[in-house]
Amino acid sequence: MLREFGGCACNIAYNLICSVAEPLIMATVVDFSGLRTTSGKNGLSQAHIRPIPAAIRGPAFITTDLDDNQITAFRFPAR
């Protein structure tokens, strides 16, 4: 199993940086530790990213077979 840093906002912002744009990400995050270093190295502004460590979140598990078919499962924690 691999842990990947996902997130649509960071992926789009990174691609915009590669095309000479200056994107701003506005988001709330639970665990920003690994992504903070990666986004900083790539020049993404972190000014509008707000960590909320106590937020309830549901991780996604994505299984991809050899034909690139995907099944996504979400685990929602009890409140």
N, C-alpha and C. Protein backbone atom coordinates (compact mmCIF):
# COMPACT_ATOMS: atom_id res chain seq x y z
N MET A 1 0.85 -1.17 0.00
CA MET A 1 0.00 0.00 0.00
C MET A 1 0.90 1.23 0.00
N LEU A 2 0.51 2.21 -0.78
CA LEU A 2 1.26 3.47 -0.85
C LEU A 2 0.43 4.61 -0.29
N ARG A 3 1.09 5.54 0.35
CA ARG A 3 0.40 6.76 0.77
C ARG A 3 0.83 7.86 -0.19
N GLU A 4 -0.13 8.38 -0.91
CA GLU A 4 0.13 9.44 -1.89
C GLU A 4 -0.51 10.73 -1.41
N PHE A 5 0.12 11.83 -1.73
CA PHE A 5 -0.45 13.13 -1.41
C PHE A 5 -1.40 13.51 -2.54
N GLY A 6 -2.67 13.38 -2.28
CA GLY A 6 -3.66 13.70 -3.29
C GLY A 6 -4.17 15.11 -3.10
N GLY A 7 -5.29 15.34 -3.65
CA GLY A 7 -5.90 16.66 -3.50
C GLY A 7 -5.92 17.39 -4.81
N CYS A 8 -7.08 17.65 -5.26
CA CYS A 8 -7.27 18.32 -6.54
C CYS A 8 -6.61 19.70 -6.56
N ALA A 9 -6.76 20.46 -5.49
CA ALA A 9 -6.24 21.83 -5.48
C ALA A 9 -4.73 21.87 -5.68
N CYS A 10 -4.00 21.02 -4.98
CA CYS A 10 -2.53 21.02 -5.13
C CYS A 10 -2.10 20.55 -6.51
N ASN A 11 -2.80 19.55 -7.05
CA ASN A 11 -2.44 19.07 -8.38
C ASN A 11 -2.66 20.15 -9.44
N ILE A 12 -3.78 20.84 -9.38
CA ILE A 12 -4.07 21.90 -10.34
C ILE A 12 -3.10 23.06 -10.15
N ALA A 13 -2.84 23.45 -8.91
CA ALA A 13 -1.92 24.56 -8.64
C ALA A 13 -0.52 24.25 -9.16
N TYR A 14 -0.07 23.03 -8.95
CA TYR A 14 1.27 22.65 -9.44
C TYR A 14 1.34 22.77 -10.97
N ASN A 15 0.30 22.29 -11.65
CA ASN A 15 0.29 22.39 -13.11
C ASN A 15 0.23 23.84 -13.58
N LEU A 16 -0.48 24.69 -12.84
CA LEU A 16 -0.51 26.11 -13.19
C LEU A 16 0.86 26.77 -13.00
N ILE A 17 1.57 26.37 -11.95
CA ILE A 17 2.92 26.90 -11.74
C ILE A 17 3.83 26.51 -12.91
N CYS A 18 3.67 25.29 -13.39
CA CYS A 18 4.48 24.82 -14.53
C CYS A 18 4.18 25.62 -15.80
N SER A 19 3.02 26.25 -15.87
CA SER A 19 2.68 27.06 -17.04
C SER A 19 2.79 28.55 -16.74
N VAL A 20 3.62 28.92 -15.79
CA VAL A 20 3.97 30.30 -15.45
C VAL A 20 2.80 31.09 -14.86
N ALA A 21 1.93 30.46 -14.13
CA ALA A 21 0.87 31.16 -13.42
C ALA A 21 1.23 31.22 -11.94
N GLU A 22 0.51 32.01 -11.16
CA GLU A 22 0.75 32.12 -9.72
C GLU A 22 -0.54 31.79 -8.97
N PRO A 23 -0.87 30.51 -8.83
CA PRO A 23 -2.13 30.13 -8.19
C PRO A 23 -2.10 30.29 -6.67
N LEU A 24 -3.27 30.47 -6.09
CA LEU A 24 -3.43 30.48 -4.63
C LEU A 24 -4.41 29.38 -4.27
N ILE A 25 -4.03 28.55 -3.30
CA ILE A 25 -4.91 27.49 -2.83
C ILE A 25 -5.62 27.99 -1.59
N MET A 26 -6.94 27.87 -1.58
CA MET A 26 -7.73 28.19 -0.39
C MET A 26 -8.35 26.88 0.06
N ALA A 27 -7.91 26.37 1.25
CA ALA A 27 -8.38 25.06 1.69
C ALA A 27 -8.21 24.92 3.19
N THR A 28 -8.97 23.98 3.75
CA THR A 28 -8.73 23.52 5.12
C THR A 28 -8.19 22.11 5.02
N VAL A 29 -7.27 21.78 5.90
CA VAL A 29 -6.63 20.46 5.88
C VAL A 29 -6.56 19.91 7.30
N VAL A 30 -6.48 18.58 7.40
CA VAL A 30 -6.33 17.94 8.70
C VAL A 30 -4.85 17.68 8.96
N ASP A 31 -4.19 16.96 8.07
CA ASP A 31 -2.78 16.62 8.21
C ASP A 31 -2.02 17.26 7.05
N PHE A 32 -1.30 18.31 7.34
CA PHE A 32 -0.61 19.08 6.31
C PHE A 32 0.90 18.88 6.36
N SER A 33 1.40 18.01 7.26
CA SER A 33 2.83 17.89 7.51
C SER A 33 3.63 17.51 6.26
N GLY A 34 3.28 16.44 5.58
CA GLY A 34 4.05 16.02 4.41
C GLY A 34 3.86 16.92 3.22
N LEU A 35 2.65 17.36 3.01
CA LEU A 35 2.34 18.21 1.87
C LEU A 35 2.94 19.60 2.01
N ARG A 36 3.11 20.07 3.24
CA ARG A 36 3.70 21.39 3.47
C ARG A 36 5.09 21.47 2.86
N THR A 37 5.90 20.46 3.10
CA THR A 37 7.27 20.45 2.56
C THR A 37 7.25 20.37 1.04
N THR A 38 6.44 19.46 0.50
CA THR A 38 6.37 19.28 -0.95
C THR A 38 5.87 20.53 -1.65
N SER A 39 4.80 21.13 -1.14
CA SER A 39 4.25 22.32 -1.81
C SER A 39 5.22 23.49 -1.70
N GLY A 40 5.93 23.61 -0.58
CA GLY A 40 6.91 24.68 -0.43
C GLY A 40 8.05 24.56 -1.42
N LYS A 41 8.53 23.34 -1.65
CA LYS A 41 9.61 23.12 -2.62
C LYS A 41 9.18 23.47 -4.03
N ASN A 42 7.88 23.29 -4.32
CA ASN A 42 7.37 23.55 -5.67
C ASN A 42 6.89 24.98 -5.86
N GLY A 43 7.02 25.81 -4.84
CA GLY A 43 6.67 27.21 -4.97
C GLY A 43 5.20 27.54 -4.77
N LEU A 44 4.42 26.61 -4.21
CA LEU A 44 3.01 26.88 -3.96
C LEU A 44 2.86 27.72 -2.70
N SER A 45 2.09 28.77 -2.79
CA SER A 45 1.82 29.61 -1.63
C SER A 45 0.95 28.83 -0.64
N GLN A 46 1.29 28.93 0.64
CA GLN A 46 0.53 28.25 1.69
C GLN A 46 -0.24 29.26 2.55
N ALA A 47 -0.31 30.49 2.08
CA ALA A 47 -0.90 31.57 2.87
C ALA A 47 -2.37 31.37 3.18
N HIS A 48 -3.09 30.67 2.31
CA HIS A 48 -4.53 30.52 2.49
C HIS A 48 -4.94 29.07 2.78
N ILE A 49 -3.99 28.27 3.29
CA ILE A 49 -4.28 26.90 3.69
C ILE A 49 -4.34 26.86 5.21
N ARG A 50 -5.47 26.44 5.73
CA ARG A 50 -5.68 26.47 7.18
C ARG A 50 -5.79 25.05 7.75
N PRO A 51 -4.80 24.64 8.57
CA PRO A 51 -4.88 23.33 9.21
C PRO A 51 -5.92 23.33 10.33
N ILE A 52 -6.76 22.31 10.35
CA ILE A 52 -7.72 22.08 11.44
C ILE A 52 -7.51 20.64 11.91
N PRO A 53 -6.58 20.41 12.83
CA PRO A 53 -6.19 19.05 13.21
C PRO A 53 -7.32 18.21 13.81
N ALA A 54 -8.30 18.81 14.45
CA ALA A 54 -9.35 18.03 15.11
C ALA A 54 -10.53 17.71 14.20
N ALA A 55 -10.45 18.06 12.95
CA ALA A 55 -11.58 17.84 12.04
C ALA A 55 -11.80 16.35 11.80
N ILE A 56 -13.05 15.97 11.62
CA ILE A 56 -13.38 14.59 11.30
C ILE A 56 -13.21 14.41 9.81
N ARG A 57 -12.52 13.36 9.43
CA ARG A 57 -12.26 13.14 8.01
C ARG A 57 -12.48 11.67 7.68
N GLY A 58 -12.70 11.40 6.43
CA GLY A 58 -12.85 10.03 5.94
C GLY A 58 -11.82 9.75 4.88
N PRO A 59 -10.83 8.90 5.16
CA PRO A 59 -9.81 8.61 4.14
C PRO A 59 -10.40 7.82 2.98
N ALA A 60 -9.80 7.98 1.83
CA ALA A 60 -10.21 7.24 0.64
C ALA A 60 -9.17 6.18 0.32
N PHE A 61 -9.63 5.01 -0.04
CA PHE A 61 -8.76 3.92 -0.48
C PHE A 61 -9.14 3.60 -1.92
N ILE A 62 -8.18 3.78 -2.82
CA ILE A 62 -8.45 3.59 -4.24
C ILE A 62 -7.68 2.36 -4.73
N THR A 63 -8.41 1.39 -5.26
CA THR A 63 -7.82 0.17 -5.78
C THR A 63 -7.90 0.23 -7.31
N THR A 64 -6.75 0.05 -7.96
CA THR A 64 -6.69 0.09 -9.42
C THR A 64 -6.19 -1.25 -9.93
N ASP A 65 -6.91 -1.86 -10.88
CA ASP A 65 -6.45 -3.14 -11.43
C ASP A 65 -5.55 -2.90 -12.65
N LEU A 66 -5.10 -3.98 -13.27
CA LEU A 66 -4.15 -3.87 -14.38
C LEU A 66 -4.74 -3.22 -15.62
N ASP A 67 -6.08 -3.15 -15.71
CA ASP A 67 -6.73 -2.48 -16.83
C ASP A 67 -7.10 -1.03 -16.51
N ASP A 68 -6.60 -0.52 -15.39
CA ASP A 68 -6.85 0.84 -14.91
C ASP A 68 -8.29 1.08 -14.48
N ASN A 69 -9.03 0.02 -14.16
CA ASN A 69 -10.34 0.18 -13.54
C ASN A 69 -10.12 0.51 -12.07
N GLN A 70 -10.92 1.41 -11.53
CA GLN A 70 -10.73 1.83 -10.14
C GLN A 70 -11.99 1.63 -9.32
N ILE A 71 -11.78 1.22 -8.08
CA ILE A 71 -12.83 1.15 -7.08
C ILE A 71 -12.37 2.03 -5.92
N THR A 72 -13.21 2.96 -5.51
CA THR A 72 -12.87 3.86 -4.42
C THR A 72 -13.77 3.55 -3.23
N ALA A 73 -13.14 3.38 -2.06
CA ALA A 73 -13.88 3.12 -0.82
C ALA A 73 -13.52 4.21 0.18
N PHE A 74 -14.52 4.69 0.89
CA PHE A 74 -14.32 5.72 1.91
C PHE A 74 -14.62 5.13 3.27
N ARG A 75 -13.84 5.50 4.26
CA ARG A 75 -14.07 5.06 5.62
C ARG A 75 -14.40 6.28 6.44
N PHE A 76 -15.64 6.36 6.89
CA PHE A 76 -16.06 7.51 7.68
C PHE A 76 -16.01 7.14 9.16
N PRO A 77 -15.25 7.89 9.94
CA PRO A 77 -15.12 7.57 11.37
C PRO A 77 -16.40 7.88 12.13
N ALA A 78 -16.58 7.17 13.23
CA ALA A 78 -17.73 7.44 14.12
C ALA A 78 -17.53 8.78 14.80
N ARG A 79 -18.59 9.47 15.01
CA ARG A 79 -18.48 10.79 15.65
C ARG A 79 -18.42 10.67 17.14
